[in-house]
Amino acid sequence: MEVIAAVLREPKCSLSIERLNLGEPSPDEVLVRIVACGICHTDVACRDAHLPLPLPIVLGHEGAGVVERVGQSVADLVPGDHVLLSFGHCGRCSPCLEGNAPYCDHFSGLNFGGTRPDGSTALHDGTGPVHSHFFGQSAFSSNVLVHRLNAVRIPKDLSLETLAPLGCGIQTGAGAVLNCLKPDAGESIAVFGVGAVGLSAIMAAKIAGCQRIVAVDRLVERLHVAQALGATDCIVAGPARELPAAIRSLSGAVDYAVDTTGNRDVAAAAVQSVRRQGVCMMLGIYLPGDQLPIDMRFLVRNGITLRGSVEGDSDPRTFLPTLIKHFTDGRLPLQKLIKHYPLRDINEALSDAATCKVLKPVILL
């Protein structure tokens, strides 16, 4: 079938809106008509070749839409189902079978390889293949083929245009708190960088009952949003070396810290902001070869735990429904982060995401 998609043909260049041909679903795939797709900073990083991909390719990995057809081996989804799309995982390796899908043995190939596991692509431009299955989706397209494991059915009365970002950015920030850190009510947390991922962590910390929630960012406008979503304290970021003292001056070191910035100096400041035997979580997109500039004696003498997380350690089929429940109950007001764009304005939306002008751009297909 013919689809309309935004294609990246050269690194660090604008995406072009093109008509492409989409193949038939394989036995374990479903054909989804995309209604909306959030823009994540990973899309920006891949556009700019910080995370190299085979080109040409269709990006987009926070898709939401309606199932139109299913492959012959698909029994858990039917045409007409409304679905959120999330990251690719095989469902067969040990991490997947143990409920640790973000650490799938085949995560890299399934999400950044640009093809199905057998090397085929779903898209063609009439002269040659266009790489597909970015994060198992390539959802900057009017229709996509996705493995059945990538699609999570949701109630039809919910807004796909609002819930689309749950598939990556929101579940990463919220999952880091609720799935990984699991703070007890009354504990404290500092979140460094309050874009969509950081704000999701703040909302999750409020859900968990954290008594002190510190938001750190260089943009005052974002700190205002953080405060509206649950932050009890806000710090306008100056030099990274001054941040630990600024955190501690409020009412002492925090139990947990989360870095979403991808800046090694800010990440080091986050580590130095936690109490003895505290935990620091790394969520940023760090550049290859980045090293944490911190005195190892500080970690050892204070018993600090330093850990990372992919996708908030989430199993999308169980965690996305949990987030939806928080949304419908008013505890996860995603609509306060979102600005909608038509597909024709996708380059403007990517620019607004890259320059921090908009918290969570969402493309309407």
Protein backbone atom coordinates (compact mmCIF):
# COMPACT_ATOMS: atom_id res chain seq x y z
CA MET A 1 0.00 0.00 0.00
CA GLU A 2 1.05 3.62 -0.44
CA VAL A 3 1.91 5.60 2.69
CA ILE A 4 2.99 9.15 3.46
CA ALA A 5 6.13 9.29 5.59
CA ALA A 6 8.90 11.64 6.74
CA VAL A 7 12.21 10.27 5.45
CA LEU A 8 15.71 11.04 6.72
CA ARG A 9 18.08 10.70 3.74
CA GLU A 10 21.18 12.52 4.99
CA PRO A 11 22.45 13.03 8.55
CA LYS A 12 21.85 16.43 10.10
CA CYS A 13 19.38 17.33 7.35
CA SER A 14 15.67 18.01 7.19
CA LEU A 15 13.25 15.13 6.78
CA SER A 16 11.39 14.99 3.47
CA ILE A 17 7.69 14.14 3.20
CA GLU A 18 7.42 11.35 0.63
CA ARG A 19 5.09 8.73 -0.76
CA LEU A 20 6.45 5.25 -0.09
CA ASN A 21 5.30 1.70 -0.62
CA LEU A 22 4.61 -0.40 2.47
CA GLY A 23 4.85 -4.18 2.16
CA GLU A 24 2.60 -6.93 3.48
CA PRO A 25 2.59 -7.86 7.17
CA SER A 26 4.65 -10.90 8.10
CA PRO A 27 2.82 -13.61 10.10
CA ASP A 28 3.65 -12.00 13.46
CA GLU A 29 3.11 -8.36 12.43
CA VAL A 30 0.15 -5.99 12.51
CA LEU A 31 -0.66 -3.13 10.16
CA VAL A 32 -1.37 0.02 12.16
CA ARG A 33 -2.81 3.30 10.89
CA ILE A 34 -0.87 5.91 12.83
CA VAL A 35 -2.95 8.68 14.40
CA ALA A 36 -0.18 10.42 16.34
CA CYS A 37 3.50 10.05 17.14
CA GLY A 38 5.47 11.84 19.82
CA ILE A 39 8.92 13.24 19.15
CA CYS A 40 11.63 12.06 21.53
CA HIS A 41 15.17 13.47 21.84
CA THR A 42 16.38 10.12 20.53
CA ASP A 43 14.78 11.06 17.19
CA VAL A 44 16.80 14.28 17.24
CA ALA A 45 19.99 12.43 18.23
CA CYS A 46 19.52 9.97 15.36
CA ARG A 47 18.76 12.72 12.87
CA ASP A 48 22.02 14.40 13.88
CA ALA A 49 24.02 11.12 13.72
CA HIS A 50 24.87 11.05 17.43
CA LEU A 51 23.34 7.59 17.21
CA PRO A 52 24.24 6.33 13.72
CA LEU A 53 21.59 4.60 11.63
CA PRO A 54 21.43 3.16 8.12
CA LEU A 55 19.99 5.67 5.66
CA PRO A 56 17.51 6.45 4.23
CA ILE A 57 15.22 5.70 7.17
CA VAL A 58 11.86 6.68 8.65
CA LEU A 59 12.18 7.68 12.31
CA GLY A 60 9.47 7.97 14.95
CA HIS A 61 9.03 5.68 17.95
CA GLU A 62 6.16 6.97 20.07
CA GLY A 63 3.38 5.86 17.76
CA ALA A 64 -0.31 5.48 18.53
CA GLY A 65 -2.96 4.27 16.14
CA VAL A 66 -5.57 1.76 15.03
CA VAL A 67 -4.95 -1.81 13.93
CA GLU A 68 -6.13 -2.36 10.34
CA ARG A 69 -4.83 -5.86 9.57
CA VAL A 70 -3.07 -8.66 11.43
CA GLY A 71 -0.67 -11.37 10.32
CA GLN A 72 -1.80 -14.97 10.29
CA SER A 73 0.03 -15.81 13.55
CA VAL A 74 -1.41 -12.88 15.53
CA ALA A 75 -4.17 -13.91 17.93
CA ASP A 76 -4.08 -11.19 20.60
CA LEU A 77 -4.96 -8.19 18.40
CA VAL A 78 -7.78 -7.64 15.90
CA PRO A 79 -8.61 -4.93 13.36
CA GLY A 80 -10.13 -1.92 15.08
CA ASP A 81 -8.02 -2.21 18.23
CA HIS A 82 -6.49 1.04 19.44
CA VAL A 83 -2.83 0.57 20.32
CA LEU A 84 0.21 2.34 21.69
CA LEU A 85 3.53 1.32 20.16
CA SER A 86 6.72 0.83 22.13
CA PHE A 87 10.26 -0.46 21.64
CA GLY A 88 11.24 -3.68 19.89
CA HIS A 89 12.16 -6.83 21.80
CA CYS A 90 12.28 -10.46 20.76
CA GLY A 91 10.18 -11.98 23.55
CA ARG A 92 12.28 -15.17 23.51
CA CYS A 93 15.68 -14.43 25.09
CA SER A 94 16.36 -14.79 28.81
CA PRO A 95 15.91 -11.08 29.69
CA CYS A 96 12.59 -10.95 27.80
CA LEU A 97 11.33 -14.14 29.43
CA GLU A 98 12.31 -12.76 32.83
CA GLY A 99 10.27 -9.58 32.25
CA ASN A 100 13.30 -7.42 31.38
CA ALA A 101 12.38 -6.54 27.80
CA PRO A 102 14.52 -3.33 27.66
CA TYR A 103 17.59 -5.55 28.09
CA CYS A 104 16.64 -7.93 25.29
CA ASP A 105 19.68 -9.69 23.83
CA HIS A 106 18.63 -8.33 20.42
CA PHE A 107 17.67 -4.79 21.49
CA SER A 108 20.24 -2.97 19.35
CA GLY A 109 19.34 -4.70 16.10
CA LEU A 110 15.58 -4.59 16.65
CA ASN A 111 15.56 -0.89 17.48
CA PHE A 112 18.45 0.64 15.53
CA GLY A 113 19.11 -1.85 12.74
CA GLY A 114 16.57 -0.38 10.31
CA THR A 115 15.22 -3.79 9.27
CA ARG A 116 13.28 -6.79 10.46
CA PRO A 117 15.34 -9.56 12.10
CA ASP A 118 15.59 -11.30 8.71
CA GLY A 119 17.16 -8.19 7.15
CA SER A 120 14.11 -7.14 5.12
CA THR A 121 12.63 -3.65 5.19
CA ALA A 122 8.93 -2.80 5.12
CA LEU A 123 9.34 0.36 3.02
CA HIS A 124 10.34 1.05 -0.59
CA ASP A 125 10.48 4.31 -2.53
CA GLY A 126 10.16 2.82 -6.00
CA THR A 127 13.88 2.78 -6.67
CA GLY A 128 15.20 1.01 -3.59
CA PRO A 129 14.48 0.08 0.03
CA VAL A 130 13.94 2.64 2.76
CA HIS A 131 14.93 1.46 6.21
CA SER A 132 12.06 0.77 8.57
CA HIS A 133 11.32 -0.68 12.03
CA PHE A 134 13.13 2.12 13.89
CA PHE A 135 12.39 1.11 17.49
CA GLY A 136 10.26 -1.54 15.83
CA GLN A 137 7.98 1.18 14.43
CA SER A 138 9.21 3.98 12.14
CA ALA A 139 6.02 5.80 13.14
CA PHE A 140 6.57 9.08 11.27
CA SER A 141 4.36 7.43 8.67
CA SER A 142 0.65 7.19 7.95
CA ASN A 143 0.79 3.38 8.30
CA VAL A 144 3.35 1.03 9.81
CA LEU A 145 4.05 -2.66 10.23
CA VAL A 146 5.01 -3.65 13.77
CA HIS A 147 5.61 -6.91 15.57
CA ARG A 148 2.65 -7.83 17.74
CA LEU A 149 4.82 -7.52 20.88
CA ASN A 150 5.35 -3.82 20.11
CA ALA A 151 1.64 -2.98 20.24
CA VAL A 152 -0.27 -2.50 23.50
CA ARG A 153 -4.06 -2.40 23.23
CA ILE A 154 -5.78 0.47 25.07
CA PRO A 155 -9.43 1.47 25.58
CA LYS A 156 -10.98 3.10 22.52
CA ASP A 157 -12.37 6.05 24.46
CA LEU A 158 -8.90 7.39 25.29
CA SER A 159 -7.08 10.02 23.24
CA LEU A 160 -4.39 8.55 21.02
CA GLU A 161 -3.19 12.10 20.34
CA THR A 162 -2.44 12.55 24.05
CA LEU A 163 -1.22 9.09 25.02
CA ALA A 164 1.23 8.55 22.12
CA PRO A 165 4.31 9.72 24.11
CA LEU A 166 3.82 7.00 26.73
CA GLY A 167 5.67 4.52 24.49
CA CYS A 168 9.15 5.90 25.18
CA GLY A 169 9.88 9.24 26.87
CA ILE A 170 7.15 9.16 29.50
CA GLN A 171 7.69 5.53 30.46
CA THR A 172 11.44 6.15 30.67
CA GLY A 173 11.14 8.95 33.21
CA ALA A 174 8.23 7.52 35.16
CA GLY A 175 9.65 4.00 35.05
CA ALA A 176 13.01 5.13 36.38
CA VAL A 177 11.23 6.26 39.54
CA LEU A 178 8.42 3.73 39.90
CA ASN A 179 10.18 0.62 38.54
CA CYS A 180 13.82 1.25 39.47
CA LEU A 181 14.19 3.61 42.41
CA LYS A 182 10.86 2.74 44.08
CA PRO A 183 11.06 5.52 46.68
CA ASP A 184 9.09 5.20 49.88
CA ALA A 185 6.59 7.88 50.84
CA GLY A 186 8.37 10.76 52.53
CA GLU A 187 11.73 10.30 50.78
CA SER A 188 13.43 12.94 48.63
CA ILE A 189 14.57 13.12 45.01
CA ALA A 190 16.30 15.62 42.70
CA VAL A 191 15.71 15.56 38.94
CA PHE A 192 18.36 17.19 36.75
CA GLY A 193 16.87 18.35 33.45
CA VAL A 194 13.10 18.76 33.32
CA GLY A 195 12.21 18.07 29.74
CA ALA A 196 9.56 15.44 29.05
CA VAL A 197 11.60 12.62 30.64
CA GLY A 198 12.49 14.67 33.72
CA LEU A 199 8.95 15.95 34.18
CA SER A 200 7.69 12.37 33.94
CA ALA A 201 10.10 11.47 36.74
CA ILE A 202 8.74 14.38 38.80
CA MET A 203 5.13 13.30 38.27
CA ALA A 204 6.10 9.74 39.21
CA ALA A 205 7.87 10.95 42.34
CA LYS A 206 4.70 12.75 43.37
CA ILE A 207 2.69 9.58 42.70
CA ALA A 208 5.15 7.66 44.91
CA GLY A 209 4.65 10.15 47.73
CA CYS A 210 8.09 11.77 47.81
CA GLN A 211 8.06 14.61 50.32
CA ARG A 212 10.79 16.72 48.68
CA ILE A 213 11.06 16.85 44.90
CA VAL A 214 13.78 19.14 43.55
CA ALA A 215 13.74 20.22 39.90
CA VAL A 216 16.99 21.48 38.34
CA ASP A 217 17.10 23.13 34.92
CA ARG A 218 18.64 26.14 33.19
CA LEU A 219 15.24 27.21 31.76
CA VAL A 220 13.00 29.05 34.21
CA GLU A 221 9.92 28.32 32.10
CA ARG A 222 10.43 24.59 32.51
CA LEU A 223 10.88 24.96 36.24
CA HIS A 224 7.48 26.64 36.41
CA VAL A 225 5.98 23.58 34.73
CA ALA A 226 7.89 21.29 37.09
CA GLN A 227 6.46 23.14 40.07
CA ALA A 228 2.94 22.84 38.69
CA LEU A 229 3.46 19.08 38.27
CA GLY A 230 4.74 18.39 41.76
CA ALA A 231 8.22 19.82 42.34
CA THR A 232 8.57 21.28 45.84
CA ASP A 233 11.81 23.12 45.10
CA CYS A 234 13.32 24.53 41.92
CA ILE A 235 16.94 25.41 41.16
CA VAL A 236 18.00 27.47 38.15
CA ALA A 237 21.10 25.63 37.00
CA GLY A 238 24.36 27.54 36.96
CA PRO A 239 27.80 25.93 36.72
CA ALA A 240 27.51 22.18 37.31
CA ARG A 241 30.10 22.22 40.10
CA GLU A 242 27.81 24.45 42.17
CA LEU A 243 24.72 22.25 41.94
CA PRO A 244 25.47 19.76 44.75
CA ALA A 245 25.85 22.58 47.25
CA ALA A 246 22.66 24.20 45.96
CA ILE A 247 20.77 20.93 46.47
CA ARG A 248 22.17 20.39 49.95
CA SER A 249 21.45 23.98 51.00
CA LEU A 250 17.71 23.37 50.72
CA SER A 251 17.44 20.71 53.45
CA GLY A 252 20.34 18.38 52.98
CA ALA A 253 21.29 15.74 50.44
CA VAL A 254 18.51 13.82 48.69
CA ASP A 255 17.78 10.11 48.80
CA TYR A 256 17.72 9.80 45.02
CA ALA A 257 18.89 11.76 42.00
CA VAL A 258 18.00 11.37 38.33
CA ASP A 259 20.05 12.84 35.47
CA THR A 260 18.25 13.26 32.14
CA THR A 261 20.59 15.83 30.59
CA GLY A 262 23.23 13.64 28.96
CA ASN A 263 25.83 16.13 30.22
CA ARG A 264 28.68 14.38 32.04
CA ASP A 265 29.37 17.30 34.40
CA VAL A 266 25.71 17.59 35.37
CA ALA A 267 25.58 13.81 35.83
CA ALA A 268 28.56 14.06 38.21
CA ALA A 269 26.76 16.81 40.11
CA ALA A 270 23.71 14.56 40.43
CA VAL A 271 25.88 11.83 41.98
CA GLN A 272 27.30 14.28 44.51
CA SER A 273 23.83 15.46 45.51
CA VAL A 274 22.65 12.21 47.09
CA ARG A 275 23.04 11.23 50.72
CA ARG A 276 25.21 8.40 52.01
CA GLN A 277 23.95 5.12 50.55
CA GLY A 278 21.77 7.10 48.17
CA VAL A 279 21.07 6.15 44.55
CA CYS A 280 21.74 8.11 41.35
CA MET A 281 19.99 7.13 38.12
CA MET A 282 21.42 7.94 34.67
CA LEU A 283 18.88 8.43 31.84
CA GLY A 284 20.57 10.87 29.46
CA ILE A 285 21.79 10.26 25.91
CA TYR A 286 25.53 10.27 26.64
CA LEU A 287 28.07 10.47 23.84
CA PRO A 288 30.31 7.48 23.08
CA GLY A 289 33.38 7.60 25.26
CA ASP A 290 31.87 9.92 27.87
CA GLN A 291 33.38 9.31 31.28
CA LEU A 292 31.93 10.42 34.60
CA PRO A 293 34.28 13.04 36.13
CA ILE A 294 33.94 12.12 39.78
CA ASP A 295 36.28 11.08 42.58
CA MET A 296 35.75 7.35 43.03
CA ARG A 297 36.53 7.73 46.72
CA PHE A 298 33.31 9.72 47.06
CA LEU A 299 31.33 6.75 45.76
CA VAL A 300 33.10 4.25 47.98
CA ARG A 301 33.20 6.26 51.20
CA ASN A 302 29.53 7.20 50.91
CA GLY A 303 28.20 3.88 49.62
CA ILE A 304 26.60 5.56 46.60
CA THR A 305 24.75 3.37 44.09
CA LEU A 306 25.12 4.49 40.48
CA ARG A 307 22.92 2.84 37.86
CA GLY A 308 21.42 3.32 34.44
CA SER A 309 18.11 2.36 32.90
CA VAL A 310 16.73 1.69 29.45
CA GLU A 311 13.06 2.62 28.94
CA GLY A 312 12.60 2.87 32.70
CA ASP A 313 13.01 -0.91 33.03
CA SER A 314 9.47 -1.15 31.66
CA ASP A 315 7.53 -4.09 30.32
CA PRO A 316 5.23 -2.03 28.07
CA ARG A 317 2.36 -4.52 28.24
CA THR A 318 2.10 -4.15 31.99
CA PHE A 319 3.55 -0.69 32.65
CA LEU A 320 1.72 1.31 29.97
CA PRO A 321 -1.68 0.30 31.40
CA THR A 322 -0.39 1.40 34.81
CA LEU A 323 0.56 4.81 33.40
CA ILE A 324 -2.80 5.08 31.64
CA LYS A 325 -4.53 4.50 34.98
CA HIS A 326 -2.47 7.31 36.53
CA PHE A 327 -3.43 9.51 33.55
CA THR A 328 -7.16 8.82 33.80
CA ASP A 329 -7.01 9.40 37.56
CA GLY A 330 -5.42 12.81 36.99
CA ARG A 331 -2.00 11.94 38.42
CA LEU A 332 -0.13 12.02 35.09
CA PRO A 333 -1.39 15.10 33.21
CA LEU A 334 0.44 14.54 29.92
CA GLN A 335 -1.65 17.14 28.14
CA LYS A 336 0.32 19.85 29.96
CA LEU A 337 3.48 18.83 28.09
CA ILE A 338 2.16 18.41 24.57
CA LYS A 339 2.02 20.61 21.50
CA HIS A 340 0.54 19.12 18.30
CA TYR A 341 1.97 19.57 14.80
CA PRO A 342 0.77 18.34 11.40
CA LEU A 343 3.15 15.99 9.58
CA ARG A 344 4.10 18.75 7.12
CA ASP A 345 5.63 20.70 10.03
CA ILE A 346 7.73 17.83 11.37
CA ASN A 347 11.03 19.67 10.85
CA GLU A 348 9.75 22.60 12.86
CA ALA A 349 8.67 20.15 15.58
CA LEU A 350 12.10 18.49 15.62
CA SER A 351 13.75 21.90 15.87
CA ASP A 352 11.45 22.91 18.72
CA ALA A 353 12.36 19.70 20.55
CA ALA A 354 16.10 20.16 19.96
CA THR A 355 16.09 23.78 21.16
CA CYS A 356 13.88 23.00 24.19
CA LYS A 357 11.18 25.34 22.88
CA VAL A 358 8.50 22.67 23.34
CA LEU A 359 8.41 19.96 25.99
CA LYS A 360 6.76 17.20 23.96
CA PRO A 361 5.95 17.76 20.28
CA VAL A 362 3.40 15.28 18.93
CA ILE A 363 2.93 14.77 15.20
CA LEU A 364 -0.63 14.23 13.97
CA LEU A 365 -0.75 11.87 11.00
